[in-house]
């Protein structure tokens, strides 16, 4: 999502220095005239088995964002999908984890 599209979101006009948001799987890091917008990306729904997050450092003069990730083993997650008989599991595995359900 580019900054020009952010204008359509309700919080774009907010008078805040920083807005962190999520539930969108793509990393976002951009600024309007006043606000720094950050979404660290997916917390597990990704082609790579990594939980992504951001550390935000604030001072009176500056906001600094550091993006991090932690690897995890997906085998327990995939096993739980099968054991719990998750509805639409094949679709979810393909779309959110980029893997075949039978893997």
Protein backbone atom coordinates (compact mmCIF):
# COMPACT_ATOMS: atom_id res chain seq x y z
CA UNK A 1 0.00 0.00 0.00
CA UNK A 2 1.45 3.35 -0.95
CA UNK A 3 1.08 6.56 0.99
CA UNK A 4 -1.42 7.99 -1.50
CA UNK A 5 -3.80 5.11 -0.71
CA UNK A 6 -3.50 5.74 3.03
CA UNK A 7 -5.55 8.92 2.52
CA UNK A 8 -8.64 6.72 2.21
CA UNK A 9 -8.19 5.21 5.65
CA UNK A 10 -9.94 6.83 8.59
CA UNK A 11 -6.77 7.37 10.61
CA UNK A 12 -4.79 9.13 7.85
CA UNK A 13 -5.85 12.59 9.01
CA UNK A 14 -5.04 11.80 12.64
CA UNK A 15 -2.78 14.27 14.40
CA UNK A 16 -0.49 11.61 15.80
CA UNK A 17 3.25 11.22 15.48
CA UNK A 18 3.03 7.44 15.14
CA UNK A 19 0.36 4.90 14.21
CA UNK A 20 1.08 1.17 14.35
CA UNK A 21 -1.42 -1.13 12.69
CA UNK A 22 -1.75 -4.72 11.64
CA UNK A 23 -3.87 -7.52 10.29
CA UNK A 24 -2.43 -6.88 6.87
CA UNK A 25 0.28 -9.34 5.99
CA UNK A 26 2.51 -6.95 4.06
CA UNK A 27 5.10 -4.81 5.85
CA UNK A 28 4.34 -1.07 5.73
CA UNK A 29 6.68 1.72 6.76
CA UNK A 30 5.91 5.21 5.49
CA UNK A 31 5.24 8.76 6.60
CA UNK A 32 2.74 11.48 5.85
CA UNK A 33 3.57 15.09 6.64
CA UNK A 34 3.02 14.44 10.35
CA UNK A 35 2.57 10.72 11.02
CA UNK A 36 4.83 7.68 10.76
CA UNK A 37 2.75 4.57 9.86
CA UNK A 38 4.08 1.08 10.60
CA UNK A 39 2.75 -2.43 10.13
CA UNK A 40 5.44 -5.06 10.76
CA UNK A 41 3.65 -7.57 8.56
CA UNK A 42 2.40 -11.01 9.27
CA UNK A 43 2.89 -12.73 12.59
CA UNK A 44 3.24 -16.18 11.11
CA UNK A 45 1.20 -16.12 7.89
CA UNK A 46 4.05 -15.91 5.47
CA UNK A 47 5.96 -18.07 3.00
CA UNK A 48 8.86 -18.07 5.48
CA UNK A 49 8.35 -19.54 8.95
CA UNK A 50 9.03 -16.28 10.77
CA UNK A 51 7.00 -14.20 13.18
CA UNK A 52 7.66 -10.58 12.23
CA UNK A 53 7.43 -7.62 14.58
CA UNK A 54 8.72 -4.08 15.02
CA UNK A 55 10.49 -2.30 17.83
CA UNK A 56 9.65 1.38 18.02
CA UNK A 57 11.98 3.80 19.76
CA UNK A 58 10.63 7.26 20.53
CA UNK A 59 12.30 10.40 21.76
CA UNK A 60 11.19 14.01 21.76
CA UNK A 61 12.80 14.53 18.37
CA UNK A 62 12.68 11.25 16.54
CA UNK A 63 10.88 7.95 15.98
CA UNK A 64 13.04 5.03 14.96
CA UNK A 65 11.60 1.69 13.86
CA UNK A 66 13.54 -1.56 13.81
CA UNK A 67 11.98 -4.56 12.08
CA UNK A 68 12.74 -8.00 13.50
CA UNK A 69 11.65 -11.59 13.00
CA UNK A 70 11.86 -14.80 14.94
CA UNK A 71 11.94 -18.17 13.16
CA UNK A 72 9.55 -20.85 14.32
CA UNK A 73 8.87 -24.49 13.43
CA UNK A 74 5.62 -24.80 11.51
CA UNK A 75 5.27 -28.54 12.07
CA UNK A 76 3.21 -28.10 15.27
CA UNK A 77 0.93 -25.61 13.53
CA UNK A 78 0.40 -27.89 10.55
CA UNK A 79 -0.20 -30.88 12.82
CA UNK A 80 -2.81 -28.88 14.76
CA UNK A 81 -4.62 -27.99 11.52
CA UNK A 82 -5.04 -31.71 10.82
CA UNK A 83 -5.84 -32.79 14.40
CA UNK A 84 -8.45 -30.07 14.84
CA UNK A 85 -9.93 -30.68 11.40
CA UNK A 86 -9.78 -26.96 10.60
CA UNK A 87 -12.45 -25.96 8.04
CA UNK A 88 -10.94 -24.97 4.68
CA UNK A 89 -7.52 -26.07 5.95
CA UNK A 90 -6.14 -26.73 2.46
CA UNK A 91 -7.11 -23.25 1.31
CA UNK A 92 -5.70 -21.58 4.45
CA UNK A 93 -2.43 -23.49 4.20
CA UNK A 94 -2.01 -22.54 0.56
CA UNK A 95 -2.95 -18.87 0.88
CA UNK A 96 -1.43 -17.98 4.26
CA UNK A 97 1.48 -20.38 4.56
CA UNK A 98 2.30 -21.02 0.90
CA UNK A 99 2.43 -24.76 1.37
CA UNK A 100 0.46 -27.80 0.34
CA UNK A 101 -1.86 -29.19 3.04
CA UNK A 102 -0.48 -32.68 2.57
CA UNK A 103 3.12 -31.56 3.26
